[in-house]
Protein backbone atom coordinates (compact mmCIF):
# COMPACT_ATOMS: atom_id res chain seq x y z
CA MET A 1 -68.02 -11.21 32.39
CA ASP A 2 -64.43 -11.53 31.18
CA ALA A 3 -61.91 -10.73 33.92
CA MET A 4 -58.89 -10.31 31.59
CA ASN A 5 -57.70 -6.86 30.63
CA ASP A 6 -56.44 -5.86 27.16
CA ASP A 7 -52.76 -6.34 28.08
CA GLN A 8 -53.44 -9.90 29.19
CA ARG A 9 -55.32 -10.65 25.98
CA ARG A 10 -52.45 -9.32 23.88
CA HIS A 11 -50.02 -11.48 25.84
CA LEU A 12 -52.10 -14.61 25.24
CA ARG A 13 -52.04 -13.97 21.48
CA ALA A 14 -48.26 -14.46 21.58
CA GLY A 15 -47.40 -11.81 19.03
CA PHE A 16 -43.81 -11.33 18.01
CA ASP A 17 -42.04 -9.10 15.52
CA LEU A 18 -40.20 -10.45 12.49
CA ALA A 19 -38.20 -8.84 9.77
CA ALA A 20 -40.05 -9.17 6.47
CA GLU A 21 -37.26 -11.40 5.10
CA GLU A 22 -37.64 -13.75 8.10
CA ASN A 23 -41.37 -13.94 7.47
CA LEU A 24 -40.76 -14.84 3.83
CA ILE A 25 -38.39 -17.66 4.88
CA ILE A 26 -40.98 -19.03 7.31
CA LEU A 27 -43.70 -18.76 4.67
CA ALA A 28 -41.57 -20.88 2.31
CA THR A 29 -41.47 -23.72 4.86
CA GLN A 30 -45.22 -23.89 5.51
CA SER A 31 -47.10 -26.90 4.23
CA SER A 32 -49.70 -24.79 2.41
CA THR A 33 -46.94 -23.13 0.38
CA ARG A 34 -45.25 -26.46 -0.36
CA ALA A 35 -48.62 -27.93 -1.36
CA LEU A 36 -48.73 -25.46 -4.27
CA GLY A 37 -45.94 -27.42 -5.94
CA GLU A 38 -42.51 -26.17 -6.90
CA ALA A 39 -43.45 -23.79 -9.74
CA ARG A 40 -46.59 -22.30 -8.19
CA GLY A 41 -44.93 -22.05 -4.76
CA ALA A 42 -41.97 -20.18 -6.27
CA ASP A 43 -44.35 -17.83 -8.10
CA PHE A 44 -46.31 -17.19 -4.89
CA LEU A 45 -43.16 -16.44 -2.89
CA ALA A 46 -41.87 -14.15 -5.67
CA ARG A 47 -45.13 -12.19 -5.55
CA VAL A 48 -44.90 -11.89 -1.76
CA ARG A 49 -41.25 -10.78 -2.08
CA ARG A 50 -42.17 -8.09 -4.64
CA ARG A 51 -44.97 -6.84 -2.38
CA LEU A 52 -42.67 -6.66 0.65
CA GLU A 53 -40.03 -4.86 -1.43
CA SER A 54 -42.63 -2.31 -2.58
CA LEU A 55 -43.45 -1.65 1.08
CA GLY A 56 -39.80 -1.12 2.01
CA TRP A 57 -39.32 -4.46 3.80
CA PRO A 58 -41.38 -3.49 6.86
CA GLN A 59 -41.18 -5.06 10.30
CA LEU A 60 -44.08 -7.52 10.56
CA THR A 61 -45.94 -8.73 13.60
CA ALA A 62 -46.80 -12.40 13.51
CA THR A 63 -49.51 -13.60 15.83
CA PHE A 64 -49.91 -17.13 16.97
CA VAL A 65 -53.22 -18.10 18.48
CA ALA A 66 -52.91 -21.44 20.18
CA TYR A 67 -55.54 -24.06 19.53
CA LEU A 68 -55.87 -26.70 22.19
CA THR A 69 -57.97 -29.80 21.70
CA ILE A 70 -59.06 -31.20 25.05
CA GLY A 71 -60.87 -34.14 23.54
CA GLN A 72 -62.47 -35.18 20.30
CA ARG A 73 -65.83 -36.80 19.85
CA LEU A 74 -65.56 -40.28 18.35
CA ARG A 75 -68.03 -40.96 15.61
């Protein structure tokens, strides 16, 4: 049985609030966005910007779930 309560679980998820504009800036720096190439990446970010504008530039909650590798099996 899990001994953690809901507040502890939320804390472990490391959520933090960002302004929508900050989130867009961070999104532009991510490798998956850069991997789209210059033109496609710019189009993607423009679509995200338009969507955020249509929502009134809301406050967003970003969650980071840590992934820890203790060891990897060698093949």
